[in-house]
Amino acid sequence: DNPNEGKNQISDEVKFNVFQGIMDSLFQSFNASVSVTSFQE
């Protein structure tokens, strides 16, 4: 229905940078909050 849609899509590198930024932010809070001393903890 919209054959011209998507011609100006951003590159995969930019999408990866967005994903990496989100995961880095989550991992920082995860690493600071989660302890792996035991499975229960």
PDB file of all heavy atoms in Angstrom:
ATOM      1  N   ASP A   1       0.821  -1.206   0.000  1.00  0.00           N
ATOM      2  CA  ASP A   1       0.000   0.000   0.000  1.00  0.00           C
ATOM      3  C   ASP A   1       0.859   1.262   0.000  1.00  0.00           C
ATOM      4  O   ASP A   1       0.457   2.291  -0.551  1.00  0.00           O
ATOM      5  CB  ASP A   1      -0.926   0.003   1.222  1.00  0.00           C
ATOM      6  CG  ASP A   1      -1.962  -1.104   1.156  1.00  0.00           C
ATOM      7  OD1 ASP A   1      -2.211  -1.613   0.044  1.00  0.00           O
ATOM      8  OD2 ASP A   1      -2.496  -1.483   2.230  1.00  0.00           O
ATOM      9  N   ASN A   2       2.050   1.201   0.615  1.00  0.00           N
ATOM     10  CA  ASN A   2       2.959   2.359   0.662  1.00  0.00           C
ATOM     11  C   ASN A   2       4.353   1.915   0.198  1.00  0.00           C
ATOM     12  O   ASN A   2       5.244   1.649   1.005  1.00  0.00           O
ATOM     13  CB  ASN A   2       3.040   2.929   2.081  1.00  0.00           C
ATOM     14  CG  ASN A   2       1.681   3.382   2.582  1.00  0.00           C
ATOM     15  OD1 ASN A   2       1.081   4.297   2.024  1.00  0.00           O
ATOM     16  ND2 ASN A   2       1.197   2.753   3.638  1.00  0.00           N
ATOM     17  N   PRO A   3       4.528   1.792  -1.083  1.00  0.00           N
ATOM     18  CA  PRO A   3       5.819   1.290  -1.592  1.00  0.00           C
ATOM     19  C   PRO A   3       6.987   2.219  -1.304  1.00  0.00           C
ATOM     20  O   PRO A   3       8.134   1.779  -1.234  1.00  0.00           O
ATOM     21  CB  PRO A   3       5.580   1.159  -3.104  1.00  0.00           C
ATOM     22  CG  PRO A   3       4.452   2.084  -3.385  1.00  0.00           C
ATOM     23  CD  PRO A   3       3.595   2.098  -2.161  1.00  0.00           C
ATOM     24  N   ASN A   4       6.754   3.514  -1.124  1.00  0.00           N
ATOM     25  CA  ASN A   4       7.842   4.459  -0.883  1.00  0.00           C
ATOM     26  C   ASN A   4       8.237   4.543   0.599  1.00  0.00           C
ATOM     27  O   ASN A   4       9.226   5.190   0.931  1.00  0.00           O
ATOM     28  CB  ASN A   4       7.452   5.858  -1.370  1.00  0.00           C
ATOM     29  CG  ASN A   4       7.239   5.892  -2.880  1.00  0.00           C
ATOM     30  OD1 ASN A   4       7.949   5.195  -3.616  1.00  0.00           O
ATOM     31  ND2 ASN A   4       6.280   6.700  -3.333  1.00  0.00           N
ATOM     32  N   GLU A   5       7.455   3.911   1.446  1.00  0.00           N
ATOM     33  CA  GLU A   5       7.750   3.973   2.878  1.00  0.00           C
ATOM     34  C   GLU A   5       8.984   3.139   3.190  1.00  0.00           C
ATOM     35  O   GLU A   5       9.152   2.022   2.706  1.00  0.00           O
ATOM     36  CB  GLU A   5       6.552   3.461   3.685  1.00  0.00           C
ATOM     37  CG  GLU A   5       6.747   3.574   5.181  1.00  0.00           C
ATOM     38  CD  GLU A   5       5.537   3.060   5.940  1.00  0.00           C
ATOM     39  OE1 GLU A   5       4.566   2.635   5.289  1.00  0.00           O
ATOM     40  OE2 GLU A   5       5.569   3.080   7.187  1.00  0.00           O
ATOM     41  N   GLY A   6       9.847   3.693   3.975  1.00  0.00           N
ATOM     42  CA  GLY A   6      11.027   2.965   4.399  1.00  0.00           C
ATOM     43  C   GLY A   6      12.270   3.251   3.594  1.00  0.00           C
ATOM     44  O   GLY A   6      13.319   2.681   3.878  1.00  0.00           O
ATOM     45  N   LYS A   7      12.158   4.102   2.558  1.00  0.00           N
ATOM     46  CA  LYS A   7      13.354   4.393   1.769  1.00  0.00           C
ATOM     47  C   LYS A   7      14.367   5.205   2.559  1.00  0.00           C
ATOM     48  O   LYS A   7      15.555   5.125   2.326  1.00  0.00           O
ATOM     49  CB  LYS A   7      12.957   5.160   0.504  1.00  0.00           C
ATOM     50  CG  LYS A   7      12.221   4.294  -0.500  1.00  0.00           C
ATOM     51  CD  LYS A   7      11.948   5.078  -1.780  1.00  0.00           C
ATOM     52  CE  LYS A   7      11.291   4.198  -2.813  1.00  0.00           C
ATOM     53  NZ  LYS A   7      11.010   4.929  -4.082  1.00  0.00           N
ATOM     54  N   ASN A   8      13.869   6.011   3.515  1.00  0.00           N
ATOM     55  CA  ASN A   8      14.763   6.848   4.313  1.00  0.00           C
ATOM     56  C   ASN A   8      15.026   6.248   5.695  1.00  0.00           C
ATOM     57  O   ASN A   8      15.230   6.974   6.669  1.00  0.00           O
ATOM     58  CB  ASN A   8      14.154   8.258   4.470  1.00  0.00           C
ATOM     59  CG  ASN A   8      13.984   8.944   3.136  1.00  0.00           C
ATOM     60  OD1 ASN A   8      14.839   8.806   2.246  1.00  0.00           O
ATOM     61  ND2 ASN A   8      12.897   9.700   2.989  1.00  0.00           N
ATOM     62  N   GLN A   9      14.980   4.917   5.773  1.00  0.00           N
ATOM     63  CA  GLN A   9      15.239   4.261   7.048  1.00  0.00           C
ATOM     64  C   GLN A   9      16.696   4.447   7.451  1.00  0.00           C
ATOM     65  O   GLN A   9      17.595   4.532   6.606  1.00  0.00           O
ATOM     66  CB  GLN A   9      14.919   2.763   6.953  1.00  0.00           C
ATOM     67  CG  GLN A   9      13.437   2.463   6.816  1.00  0.00           C
ATOM     68  CD  GLN A   9      13.182   0.959   6.771  1.00  0.00           C
ATOM     69  OE1 GLN A   9      14.126   0.181   6.680  1.00  0.00           O
ATOM     70  NE2 GLN A   9      11.914   0.573   6.833  1.00  0.00           N
ATOM     71  N   ILE A  10      16.898   4.456   8.795  1.00  0.00           N
ATOM     72  CA  ILE A  10      18.266   4.613   9.291  1.00  0.00           C
ATOM     73  C   ILE A  10      18.995   3.298   9.172  1.00  0.00           C
ATOM     74  O   ILE A  10      18.386   2.229   8.995  1.00  0.00           O
ATOM     75  CB  ILE A  10      18.247   5.100  10.756  1.00  0.00           C
ATOM     76  CG1 ILE A  10      17.531   4.071  11.625  1.00  0.00           C
ATOM     77  CG2 ILE A  10      17.555   6.451  10.879  1.00  0.00           C
ATOM     78  CD1 ILE A  10      17.553   4.407  13.100  1.00  0.00           C
ATOM     79  N   SER A  11      20.288   3.346   9.314  1.00  0.00           N
ATOM     80  CA  SER A  11      21.117   2.161   9.127  1.00  0.00           C
ATOM     81  C   SER A  11      21.023   1.238  10.342  1.00  0.00           C
ATOM     82  O   SER A  11      20.579   1.617  11.424  1.00  0.00           O
ATOM     83  CB  SER A  11      22.578   2.576   8.898  1.00  0.00           C
ATOM     84  OG  SER A  11      23.079   3.221  10.065  1.00  0.00           O
ATOM     85  N   ASP A  12      21.495  -0.001  10.134  1.00  0.00           N
ATOM     86  CA  ASP A  12      21.523  -0.975  11.222  1.00  0.00           C
ATOM     87  C   ASP A  12      22.482  -0.552  12.328  1.00  0.00           C
ATOM     88  O   ASP A  12      22.272  -0.880  13.498  1.00  0.00           O
ATOM     89  CB  ASP A  12      21.939  -2.343  10.682  1.00  0.00           C
ATOM     90  CG  ASP A  12      20.888  -2.935   9.752  1.00  0.00           C
ATOM     91  OD1 ASP A  12      19.713  -2.532   9.866  1.00  0.00           O
ATOM     92  OD2 ASP A  12      21.239  -3.816   8.933  1.00  0.00           O
ATOM     93  N   GLU A  13      23.509   0.200  11.982  1.00  0.00           N
ATOM     94  CA  GLU A  13      24.470   0.657  12.983  1.00  0.00           C
ATOM     95  C   GLU A  13      23.810   1.598  13.983  1.00  0.00           C
ATOM     96  O   GLU A  13      24.046   1.508  15.197  1.00  0.00           O
ATOM     97  CB  GLU A  13      25.647   1.348  12.297  1.00  0.00           C
ATOM     98  CG  GLU A  13      26.720   1.809  13.276  1.00  0.00           C
ATOM     99  CD  GLU A  13      27.885   2.496  12.579  1.00  0.00           C
ATOM    100  OE1 GLU A  13      27.852   2.593  11.336  1.00  0.00           O
ATOM    101  OE2 GLU A  13      28.820   2.934  13.275  1.00  0.00           O
ATOM    102  N   VAL A  14      22.945   2.486  13.466  1.00  0.00           N
ATOM    103  CA  VAL A  14      22.255   3.410  14.352  1.00  0.00           C
ATOM    104  C   VAL A  14      21.287   2.655  15.264  1.00  0.00           C
ATOM    105  O   VAL A  14      21.195   2.933  16.465  1.00  0.00           O
ATOM    106  CB  VAL A  14      21.509   4.482  13.537  1.00  0.00           C
ATOM    107  CG1 VAL A  14      20.671   5.366  14.446  1.00  0.00           C
ATOM    108  CG2 VAL A  14      22.492   5.314  12.727  1.00  0.00           C
ATOM    109  N   LYS A  15      20.583   1.658  14.691  1.00  0.00           N
ATOM    110  CA  LYS A  15      19.678   0.858  15.517  1.00  0.00           C
ATOM    111  C   LYS A  15      20.442   0.108  16.599  1.00  0.00           C
ATOM    112  O   LYS A  15      19.975   0.004  17.744  1.00  0.00           O
ATOM    113  CB  LYS A  15      18.910  -0.127  14.640  1.00  0.00           C
ATOM    114  CG  LYS A  15      17.883   0.554  13.745  1.00  0.00           C
ATOM    115  CD  LYS A  15      16.975  -0.447  13.054  1.00  0.00           C
ATOM    116  CE  LYS A  15      17.742  -1.251  12.011  1.00  0.00           C
ATOM    117  NZ  LYS A  15      16.855  -2.149  11.252  1.00  0.00           N
ATOM    118  N   PHE A  16      21.603  -0.395  16.254  1.00  0.00           N
ATOM    119  CA  PHE A  16      22.414  -1.095  17.249  1.00  0.00           C
ATOM    120  C   PHE A  16      22.871  -0.149  18.360  1.00  0.00           C
ATOM    121  O   PHE A  16      22.904  -0.523  19.534  1.00  0.00           O
ATOM    122  CB  PHE A  16      23.624  -1.739  16.579  1.00  0.00           C
ATOM    123  CG  PHE A  16      24.554  -2.420  17.541  1.00  0.00           C
ATOM    124  CD1 PHE A  16      24.233  -3.648  18.099  1.00  0.00           C
ATOM    125  CD2 PHE A  16      25.746  -1.804  17.911  1.00  0.00           C
ATOM    126  CE1 PHE A  16      25.089  -4.262  18.992  1.00  0.00           C
ATOM    127  CE2 PHE A  16      26.606  -2.418  18.810  1.00  0.00           C
ATOM    128  CZ  PHE A  16      26.282  -3.655  19.360  1.00  0.00           C
ATOM    129  N   ASN A  17      23.231   1.089  17.983  1.00  0.00           N
ATOM    130  CA  ASN A  17      23.652   2.066  18.995  1.00  0.00           C
ATOM    131  C   ASN A  17      22.514   2.392  19.970  1.00  0.00           C
ATOM    132  O   ASN A  17      22.735   2.535  21.180  1.00  0.00           O
ATOM    133  CB  ASN A  17      24.139   3.352  18.313  1.00  0.00           C
ATOM    134  CG  ASN A  17      25.443   3.135  17.567  1.00  0.00           C
ATOM    135  OD1 ASN A  17      26.236   2.249  17.927  1.00  0.00           O
ATOM    136  ND2 ASN A  17      25.682   3.929  16.528  1.00  0.00           N
ATOM    137  N   VAL A  18      21.286   2.489  19.426  1.00  0.00           N
ATOM    138  CA  VAL A  18      20.141   2.743  20.301  1.00  0.00           C
ATOM    139  C   VAL A  18      19.938   1.562  21.256  1.00  0.00           C
ATOM    140  O   VAL A  18      19.754   1.746  22.475  1.00  0.00           O
ATOM    141  CB  VAL A  18      18.864   2.977  19.467  1.00  0.00           C
ATOM    142  CG1 VAL A  18      17.634   3.054  20.377  1.00  0.00           C
ATOM    143  CG2 VAL A  18      18.998   4.259  18.641  1.00  0.00           C
ATOM    144  N   PHE A  19      19.986   0.350  20.713  1.00  0.00           N
ATOM    145  CA  PHE A  19      19.815  -0.846  21.545  1.00  0.00           C
ATOM    146  C   PHE A  19      20.923  -0.956  22.589  1.00  0.00           C
ATOM    147  O   PHE A  19      20.673  -1.273  23.759  1.00  0.00           O
ATOM    148  CB  PHE A  19      19.799  -2.084  20.645  1.00  0.00           C
ATOM    149  CG  PHE A  19      19.676  -3.377  21.386  1.00  0.00           C
ATOM    150  CD1 PHE A  19      18.443  -3.795  21.892  1.00  0.00           C
ATOM    151  CD2 PHE A  19      20.790  -4.179  21.606  1.00  0.00           C
ATOM    152  CE1 PHE A  19      18.333  -4.985  22.583  1.00  0.00           C
ATOM    153  CE2 PHE A  19      20.680  -5.366  22.302  1.00  0.00           C
ATOM    154  CZ  PHE A  19      19.449  -5.775  22.799  1.00  0.00           C
ATOM    155  N   GLN A  20      22.154  -0.671  22.165  1.00  0.00           N
ATOM    156  CA  GLN A  20      23.287  -0.753  23.096  1.00  0.00           C
ATOM    157  C   GLN A  20      23.149   0.277  24.219  1.00  0.00           C
ATOM    158  O   GLN A  20      23.440  -0.012  25.387  1.00  0.00           O
ATOM    159  CB  GLN A  20      24.594  -0.528  22.337  1.00  0.00           C
ATOM    160  CG  GLN A  20      25.826  -0.686  23.209  1.00  0.00           C
ATOM    161  CD  GLN A  20      27.112  -0.454  22.422  1.00  0.00           C
ATOM    162  OE1 GLN A  20      27.089   0.104  21.308  1.00  0.00           O
ATOM    163  NE2 GLN A  20      28.231  -0.859  22.988  1.00  0.00           N
ATOM    164  N   GLY A  21      22.682   1.476  23.884  1.00  0.00           N
ATOM    165  CA  GLY A  21      22.518   2.495  24.910  1.00  0.00           C
ATOM    166  C   GLY A  21      21.465   2.085  25.945  1.00  0.00           C
ATOM    167  O   GLY A  21      21.654   2.270  27.156  1.00  0.00           O
ATOM    168  N   ILE A  22      20.367   1.500  25.462  1.00  0.00           N
ATOM    169  CA  ILE A  22      19.320   1.058  26.394  1.00  0.00           C
ATOM    170  C   ILE A  22      19.830  -0.064  27.291  1.00  0.00           C
ATOM    171  O   ILE A  22      19.638  -0.058  28.519  1.00  0.00           O
ATOM    172  CB  ILE A  22      18.075   0.603  25.610  1.00  0.00           C
ATOM    173  CG1 ILE A  22      17.472   1.791  24.846  1.00  0.00           C
ATOM    174  CG2 ILE A  22      17.030   0.001  26.550  1.00  0.00           C
ATOM    175  CD1 ILE A  22      16.366   1.402  23.884  1.00  0.00           C
ATOM    176  N   MET A  23      20.508  -1.041  26.700  1.00  0.00           N
ATOM    177  CA  MET A  23      21.008  -2.181  27.473  1.00  0.00           C
ATOM    178  C   MET A  23      22.095  -1.754  28.459  1.00  0.00           C
ATOM    179  O   MET A  23      22.167  -2.268  29.586  1.00  0.00           O
ATOM    180  CB  MET A  23      21.554  -3.251  26.525  1.00  0.00           C
ATOM    181  CG  MET A  23      20.490  -3.948  25.680  1.00  0.00           C
ATOM    182  SD  MET A  23      19.238  -4.817  26.676  1.00  0.00           S
ATOM    183  CE  MET A  23      17.864  -3.680  26.525  1.00  0.00           C
ATOM    184  N   ASP A  24      22.957  -0.812  28.045  1.00  0.00           N
ATOM    185  CA  ASP A  24      24.006  -0.338  28.967  1.00  0.00           C
ATOM    186  C   ASP A  24      23.390   0.326  30.199  1.00  0.00           C
ATOM    187  O   ASP A  24      23.848   0.110  31.331  1.00  0.00           O
ATOM    188  CB  ASP A  24      24.932   0.645  28.242  1.00  0.00           C
ATOM    189  CG  ASP A  24      25.849  -0.062  27.247  1.00  0.00           C
ATOM    190  OD1 ASP A  24      25.994  -1.301  27.376  1.00  0.00           O
ATOM    191  OD2 ASP A  24      26.391   0.622  26.356  1.00  0.00           O
ATOM    192  N   SER A  25      22.353   1.112  29.966  1.00  0.00           N
ATOM    193  CA  SER A  25      21.705   1.782  31.093  1.00  0.00           C
ATOM    194  C   SER A  25      21.054   0.767  32.032  1.00  0.00           C
ATOM    195  O   SER A  25      21.159   0.863  33.260  1.00  0.00           O
ATOM    196  CB  SER A  25      20.665   2.762  30.566  1.00  0.00           C
ATOM    197  OG  SER A  25      19.987   3.391  31.635  1.00  0.00           O
ATOM    198  N   LEU A  26      20.394  -0.231  31.464  1.00  0.00           N
ATOM    199  CA  LEU A  26      19.772  -1.263  32.298  1.00  0.00           C
ATOM    200  C   LEU A  26      20.807  -2.103  33.025  1.00  0.00           C
ATOM    201  O   LEU A  26      20.626  -2.465  34.192  1.00  0.00           O
ATOM    202  CB  LEU A  26      18.880  -2.160  31.427  1.00  0.00           C
ATOM    203  CG  LEU A  26      17.599  -1.526  30.882  1.00  0.00           C
ATOM    204  CD1 LEU A  26      16.890  -2.480  29.932  1.00  0.00           C
ATOM    205  CD2 LEU A  26      16.676  -1.129  32.026  1.00  0.00           C
ATOM    206  N   PHE A  27      21.902  -2.401  32.350  1.00  0.00           N
ATOM    207  CA  PHE A  27      22.914  -3.245  32.997  1.00  0.00           C
ATOM    208  C   PHE A  27      23.576  -2.512  34.164  1.00  0.00           C
ATOM    209  O   PHE A  27      23.941  -3.146  35.163  1.00  0.00           O
ATOM    210  CB  PHE A  27      23.974  -3.665  31.973  1.00  0.00           C
ATOM    211  CG  PHE A  27      25.041  -4.533  32.573  1.00  0.00           C
ATOM    212  CD1 PHE A  27      24.795  -5.858  32.907  1.00  0.00           C
ATOM    213  CD2 PHE A  27      26.307  -3.998  32.833  1.00  0.00           C
ATOM    214  CE1 PHE A  27      25.782  -6.643  33.468  1.00  0.00           C
ATOM    215  CE2 PHE A  27      27.299  -4.785  33.401  1.00  0.00           C
ATOM    216  CZ  PHE A  27      27.043  -6.116  33.721  1.00  0.00           C
ATOM    217  N   GLN A  28      23.761  -1.224  34.026  1.00  0.00           N
ATOM    218  CA  GLN A  28      24.359  -0.476  35.128  1.00  0.00           C
ATOM    219  C   GLN A  28      23.499  -0.561  36.391  1.00  0.00           C
ATOM    220  O   GLN A  28      24.015  -0.812  37.486  1.00  0.00           O
ATOM    221  CB  GLN A  28      24.554   0.988  34.710  1.00  0.00           C
ATOM    222  CG  GLN A  28      25.635   1.191  33.656  1.00  0.00           C
ATOM    223  CD  GLN A  28      25.736   2.631  33.191  1.00  0.00           C
ATOM    224  OE1 GLN A  28      25.030   3.512  33.715  1.00  0.00           O
ATOM    225  NE2 GLN A  28      26.608   2.897  32.219  1.00  0.00           N
ATOM    226  N   SER A  29      22.208  -0.377  36.231  1.00  0.00           N
ATOM    227  CA  SER A  29      21.332  -0.489  37.405  1.00  0.00           C
ATOM    228  C   SER A  29      21.241  -1.941  37.885  1.00  0.00           C
ATOM    229  O   SER A  29      21.182  -2.222  39.084  1.00  0.00           O
ATOM    230  CB  SER A  29      19.930   0.033  37.067  1.00  0.00           C
ATOM    231  OG  SER A  29      19.329  -0.738  36.035  1.00  0.00           O
ATOM    232  N   PHE A  30      21.276  -2.898  36.944  1.00  0.00           N
ATOM    233  CA  PHE A  30      21.224  -4.318  37.316  1.00  0.00           C
ATOM    234  C   PHE A  30      22.468  -4.714  38.099  1.00  0.00           C
ATOM    235  O   PHE A  30      22.386  -5.399  39.131  1.00  0.00           O
ATOM    236  CB  PHE A  30      21.099  -5.171  36.043  1.00  0.00           C
ATOM    237  CG  PHE A  30      21.034  -6.656  36.303  1.00  0.00           C
ATOM    238  CD1 PHE A  30      19.825  -7.264  36.584  1.00  0.00           C
ATOM    239  CD2 PHE A  30      22.186  -7.422  36.273  1.00  0.00           C
ATOM    240  CE1 PHE A  30      19.765  -8.624  36.827  1.00  0.00           C
ATOM    241  CE2 PHE A  30      22.139  -8.785  36.510  1.00  0.00           C
ATOM    242  CZ  PHE A  30      20.925  -9.395  36.803  1.00  0.00           C
ATOM    243  N   ASN A  31      23.618  -4.279  37.620  1.00  0.00           N
ATOM    244  CA  ASN A  31      24.882  -4.632  38.273  1.00  0.00           C
ATOM    245  C   ASN A  31      24.983  -3.992  39.657  1.00  0.00           C
ATOM    246  O   ASN A  31      25.576  -4.569  40.581  1.00  0.00           O
ATOM    247  CB  ASN A  31      26.047  -4.185  37.395  1.00  0.00           C
ATOM    248  CG  ASN A  31      27.368  -4.724  37.893  1.00  0.00           C
ATOM    249  OD1 ASN A  31      27.446  -5.839  38.418  1.00  0.00           O
ATOM    250  ND2 ASN A  31      28.438  -3.950  37.724  1.00  0.00           N
ATOM    251  N   ALA A  32      24.382  -2.834  39.818  1.00  0.00           N
ATOM    252  CA  ALA A  32      24.461  -2.152  41.104  1.00  0.00           C
ATOM    253  C   ALA A  32      23.437  -2.678  42.105  1.00  0.00           C
ATOM    254  O   ALA A  32      23.629  -2.547  43.320  1.00  0.00           O
ATOM    255  CB  ALA A  32      24.251  -0.652  40.906  1.00  0.00           C
ATOM    256  N   SER A  33      22.367  -3.306  41.613  1.00  0.00           N
ATOM    257  CA  SER A  33      21.287  -3.712  42.512  1.00  0.00           C
ATOM    258  C   SER A  33      21.241  -5.205  42.792  1.00  0.00           C
ATOM    259  O   SER A  33      20.718  -5.624  43.833  1.00  0.00           O
ATOM    260  CB  SER A  33      19.931  -3.290  41.924  1.00  0.00           C
ATOM    261  OG  SER A  33      19.898  -1.906  41.678  1.00  0.00           O
ATOM    262  N   VAL A  34      21.767  -6.033  41.917  1.00  0.00           N
ATOM    263  CA  VAL A  34      21.606  -7.491  42.028  1.00  0.00           C
ATOM    264  C   VAL A  34      22.878  -8.117  42.563  1.00  0.00           C
ATOM    265  O   VAL A  34      23.983  -7.842  42.080  1.00  0.00           O
ATOM    266  CB  VAL A  34      21.237  -8.105  40.658  1.00  0.00           C
ATOM    267  CG1 VAL A  34      21.147  -9.618  40.762  1.00  0.00           C
ATOM    268  CG2 VAL A  34      19.926  -7.524  40.164  1.00  0.00           C
ATOM    269  N   SER A  35      22.716  -8.969  43.559  1.00  0.00           N
ATOM    270  CA  SER A  35      23.821  -9.720  44.137  1.00  0.00           C
ATOM    271  C   SER A  35      23.726 -11.177  43.696  1.00  0.00           C
ATOM    272  O   SER A  35      22.634 -11.748  43.618  1.00  0.00           O
ATOM    273  CB  SER A  35      23.777  -9.641  45.665  1.00  0.00           C
ATOM    274  OG  SER A  35      24.764 -10.479  46.238  1.00  0.00           O
ATOM    275  N   VAL A  36      24.889 -11.777  43.420  1.00  0.00           N
ATOM    276  CA  VAL A  36      24.918 -13.167  42.950  1.00  0.00           C
ATOM    277  C   VAL A  36      25.623 -14.070  43.968  1.00  0.00           C
ATOM    278  O   VAL A  36      26.224 -15.077  43.602  1.00  0.00           O
ATOM    279  CB  VAL A  36      25.627 -13.258  41.585  1.00  0.00           C
ATOM    280  CG1 VAL A  36      24.809 -12.559  40.513  1.00  0.00           C
ATOM    281  CG2 VAL A  36      27.027 -12.645  41.646  1.00  0.00           C
ATOM    282  N   THR A  37      25.525 -13.722  45.232  1.00  0.00           N
ATOM    283  CA  THR A  37      26.161 -14.549  46.266  1.00  0.00           C
ATOM    284  C   THR A  37      25.543 -15.933  46.314  1.00  0.00           C
ATOM    285  O   THR A  37      26.247 -16.943  46.457  1.00  0.00           O
ATOM    286  CB  THR A  37      26.038 -13.864  47.639  1.00  0.00           C
ATOM    287  OG1 THR A  37      26.570 -12.543  47.551  1.00  0.00           O
ATOM    288  CG2 THR A  37      26.775 -14.654  48.703  1.00  0.00           C
ATOM    289  N   SER A  38      24.225 -16.008  46.225  1.00  0.00           N
ATOM    290  CA  SER A  38      23.510 -17.296  46.223  1.00  0.00           C
ATOM    291  C   SER A  38      22.329 -17.185  45.286  1.00  0.00           C
ATOM    292  O   SER A  38      21.901 -16.076  44.916  1.00  0.00           O
ATOM    293  CB  SER A  38      23.039 -17.664  47.637  1.00  0.00           C
ATOM    294  OG  SER A  38      22.088 -16.717  48.111  1.00  0.00           O
ATOM    295  N   PHE A  39      21.796 -18.342  44.927  1.00  0.00           N
ATOM    296  CA  PHE A  39      20.660 -18.332  44.010  1.00  0.00           C
ATOM    297  C   PHE A  39      19.439 -17.687  44.655  1.00  0.00           C
ATOM    298  O   PHE A  39      18.689 -16.969  43.992  1.00  0.00           O
ATOM    299  CB  PHE A  39      20.320 -19.758  43.571  1.00  0.00           C
ATOM    300  CG  PHE A  39      19.194 -19.842  42.593  1.00  0.00           C
ATOM    301  CD1 PHE A  39      19.400 -19.549  41.245  1.00  0.00           C
ATOM    302  CD2 PHE A  39      17.917 -20.186  43.005  1.00  0.00           C
ATOM    303  CE1 PHE A  39      18.342 -19.602  40.339  1.00  0.00           C
ATOM    304  CE2 PHE A  39      16.870 -20.249  42.111  1.00  0.00           C
ATOM    305  CZ  PHE A  39      17.085 -19.957  40.762  1.00  0.00           C
ATOM    306  N   GLN A  40      19.252 -17.929  45.928  1.00  0.00           N
ATOM    307  CA  GLN A  40      18.124 -17.328  46.630  1.00  0.00           C
ATOM    308  C   GLN A  40      18.235 -15.811  46.653  1.00  0.00           C
ATOM    309  O   GLN A  40      17.271 -15.093  46.403  1.00  0.00           O
ATOM    310  CB  GLN A  40      18.045 -17.888  48.058  1.00  0.00           C
ATOM    311  CG  GLN A  40      16.842 -17.382  48.850  1.00  0.00           C
ATOM    312  CD  GLN A  40      16.762 -18.023  50.218  1.00  0.00           C
ATOM    313  OE1 GLN A  40      17.627 -18.819  50.588  1.00  0.00           O
ATOM    314  NE2 GLN A  40      15.750 -17.672  50.981  1.00  0.00           N
ATOM    315  N   GLU A  41      19.445 -15.322  46.920  1.00  0.00           N
ATOM    316  CA  GLU A  41      19.658 -13.876  46.947  1.00  0.00           C
ATOM    317  C   GLU A  41      19.532 -13.286  45.547  1.00  0.00           C
ATOM    318  O   GLU A  41      18.992 -12.181  45.369  1.00  0.00           O
ATOM    319  CB  GLU A  41      21.027 -13.572  47.539  1.00  0.00           C
ATOM    320  CG  GLU A  41      21.271 -12.084  47.780  1.00  0.00           C
ATOM    321  CD  GLU A  41      22.597 -11.830  48.481  1.00  0.00           C
ATOM    322  OE1 GLU A  41      23.268 -12.831  48.843  1.00  0.00           O
ATOM    323  OE2 GLU A  41      22.955 -10.658  48.660  1.00  0.00           O
TER     324      GLU A  41
END
